[in-house]
Amino acid sequence: MKAETQVLGISVDHIWAHKAYAKSLGDLPFPLLADWDKSVSRQYGVLMEGRGVAQRSLFLIDYLGHVRWRNPHYDWRSQEQYGELTEAMLGLPMIPRPKPATPHPDPAKK
């Protein structure tokens, strides 16, 4: 796999609304996190202050916490936007793996 990913949903709704929403869809294959104080939505620039709701948005964040791609007006029905998301996800940097330790020869054993 080119990039390891973790999908998380964030909603400004109450947790009980999350459960009802997930149930109405037949459950969600990812966790839905609460942004009750709307601080995350505000920080990412997708909160519609007057209405107190967040725009449906997608963000790809790399393993260092940098936003690598964003779509603040995501339409899940759009094949074009899905393709853009997939392409951006494949462009994420890979998480560096530690190199296996190489045994050093024991100079006492000759």
Protein backbone atom coordinates (compact mmCIF):
# COMPACT_ATOMS: atom_id res chain seq x y z
CA MET A 1 0.00 0.00 0.00
CA LYS A 2 1.34 3.43 -0.93
CA ALA A 3 0.02 5.29 2.10
CA GLU A 4 -1.42 4.12 5.37
CA THR A 5 -4.59 5.99 6.22
CA GLN A 6 -7.00 6.40 9.11
CA VAL A 7 -10.46 7.73 8.31
CA LEU A 8 -12.14 9.84 10.99
CA GLY A 9 -15.33 11.82 10.83
CA ILE A 10 -15.85 14.97 12.90
CA SER A 11 -19.25 16.51 13.55
CA VAL A 12 -20.48 19.51 15.54
CA ASP A 13 -23.58 17.51 16.49
CA HIS A 14 -24.14 15.80 19.83
CA ILE A 15 -22.99 12.20 20.22
CA TRP A 16 -26.62 11.01 20.28
CA ALA A 17 -27.14 12.58 16.86
CA HIS A 18 -23.99 10.77 15.68
CA LYS A 19 -25.41 7.44 16.75
CA ALA A 20 -28.75 8.09 15.03
CA TYR A 21 -26.97 9.27 11.85
CA ALA A 22 -24.70 6.22 11.76
CA LYS A 23 -27.66 3.90 12.38
CA SER A 24 -29.65 5.54 9.57
CA LEU A 25 -26.80 4.70 7.18
CA GLY A 26 -26.47 1.13 8.40
CA ASP A 27 -23.47 2.11 10.54
CA LEU A 28 -20.26 3.87 9.56
CA PRO A 29 -16.98 2.10 8.79
CA PHE A 30 -15.02 4.81 10.65
CA PRO A 31 -15.22 6.63 14.00
CA LEU A 32 -17.28 9.82 14.18
CA LEU A 33 -15.73 12.32 16.61
CA ALA A 34 -17.55 15.15 18.38
CA ASP A 35 -16.58 18.80 17.92
CA TRP A 36 -19.13 20.15 20.39
CA ASP A 37 -17.34 23.44 20.98
CA LYS A 38 -16.81 23.79 17.21
CA SER A 39 -13.13 24.58 17.73
CA VAL A 40 -11.86 22.05 15.17
CA SER A 41 -14.34 23.19 12.50
CA ARG A 42 -13.44 26.81 13.23
CA GLN A 43 -9.69 26.10 13.09
CA TYR A 44 -10.02 24.36 9.71
CA GLY A 45 -12.15 27.20 8.32
CA VAL A 46 -15.30 25.18 7.62
CA LEU A 47 -17.61 26.44 10.38
CA MET A 48 -20.57 28.49 9.20
CA GLU A 49 -20.69 30.70 12.30
CA GLY A 50 -24.16 32.17 11.73
CA ARG A 51 -25.77 28.75 11.43
CA GLY A 52 -23.51 26.94 13.91
CA VAL A 53 -22.87 24.08 11.48
CA ALA A 54 -19.81 22.90 9.59
CA GLN A 55 -19.56 22.51 5.83
CA ARG A 56 -19.15 18.91 4.69
CA SER A 57 -15.41 18.84 4.09
CA LEU A 58 -12.47 16.49 3.64
CA PHE A 59 -8.88 16.95 4.74
CA LEU A 60 -5.88 14.69 4.26
CA ILE A 61 -3.40 15.13 7.07
CA ASP A 62 -0.01 13.42 6.95
CA TYR A 63 1.65 11.56 9.79
CA LEU A 64 3.39 14.78 10.89
CA GLY A 65 0.07 16.65 11.21
CA HIS A 66 0.41 18.74 8.03
CA VAL A 67 -2.68 19.30 5.88
CA ARG A 68 -1.69 17.90 2.49
CA TRP A 69 -5.03 18.25 0.70
CA ARG A 70 -8.38 19.84 1.41
CA ASN A 71 -11.79 20.11 -0.09
CA PRO A 72 -13.96 22.37 2.10
CA HIS A 73 -17.07 21.72 -0.06
CA TYR A 74 -16.92 17.95 -0.51
CA ASP A 75 -19.82 16.28 -2.32
CA TRP A 76 -19.69 12.54 -1.65
CA ARG A 77 -21.80 11.88 -4.77
CA SER A 78 -19.20 13.43 -7.11
CA GLN A 79 -17.04 10.84 -8.91
CA GLU A 80 -14.68 13.64 -9.93
CA GLN A 81 -14.12 14.71 -6.32
CA TYR A 82 -13.69 11.08 -5.27
CA GLY A 83 -11.01 10.69 -7.94
CA GLU A 84 -9.24 13.83 -6.69
CA LEU A 85 -9.33 12.48 -3.15
CA THR A 86 -7.93 9.11 -4.22
CA GLU A 87 -5.13 10.75 -6.21
CA ALA A 88 -4.24 13.03 -3.29
CA MET A 89 -4.27 10.10 -0.86
CA LEU A 90 -1.86 8.15 -3.05
CA GLY A 91 0.44 11.19 -3.01
CA LEU A 92 0.77 11.26 0.77
CA PRO A 93 4.29 10.65 2.05
CA MET A 94 4.87 7.21 3.46
CA ILE A 95 5.46 6.80 7.17
CA PRO A 96 9.17 6.09 7.62
CA ARG A 97 9.87 2.62 8.97
CA PRO A 98 12.78 2.02 11.32
CA LYS A 99 15.55 0.12 9.60
CA PRO A 100 16.19 -3.34 11.00
CA ALA A 101 19.17 -3.50 13.30
CA THR A 102 22.27 -4.92 11.66
CA PRO A 103 24.21 -7.18 14.01
CA HIS A 104 27.79 -6.02 14.49
CA PRO A 105 30.44 -8.71 14.55
CA ASP A 106 31.76 -9.40 18.02
CA PRO A 107 35.50 -8.56 17.92
CA ALA A 108 36.11 -10.99 20.82
CA LYS A 109 34.99 -13.92 18.64
CA LYS A 110 37.73 -14.68 16.13
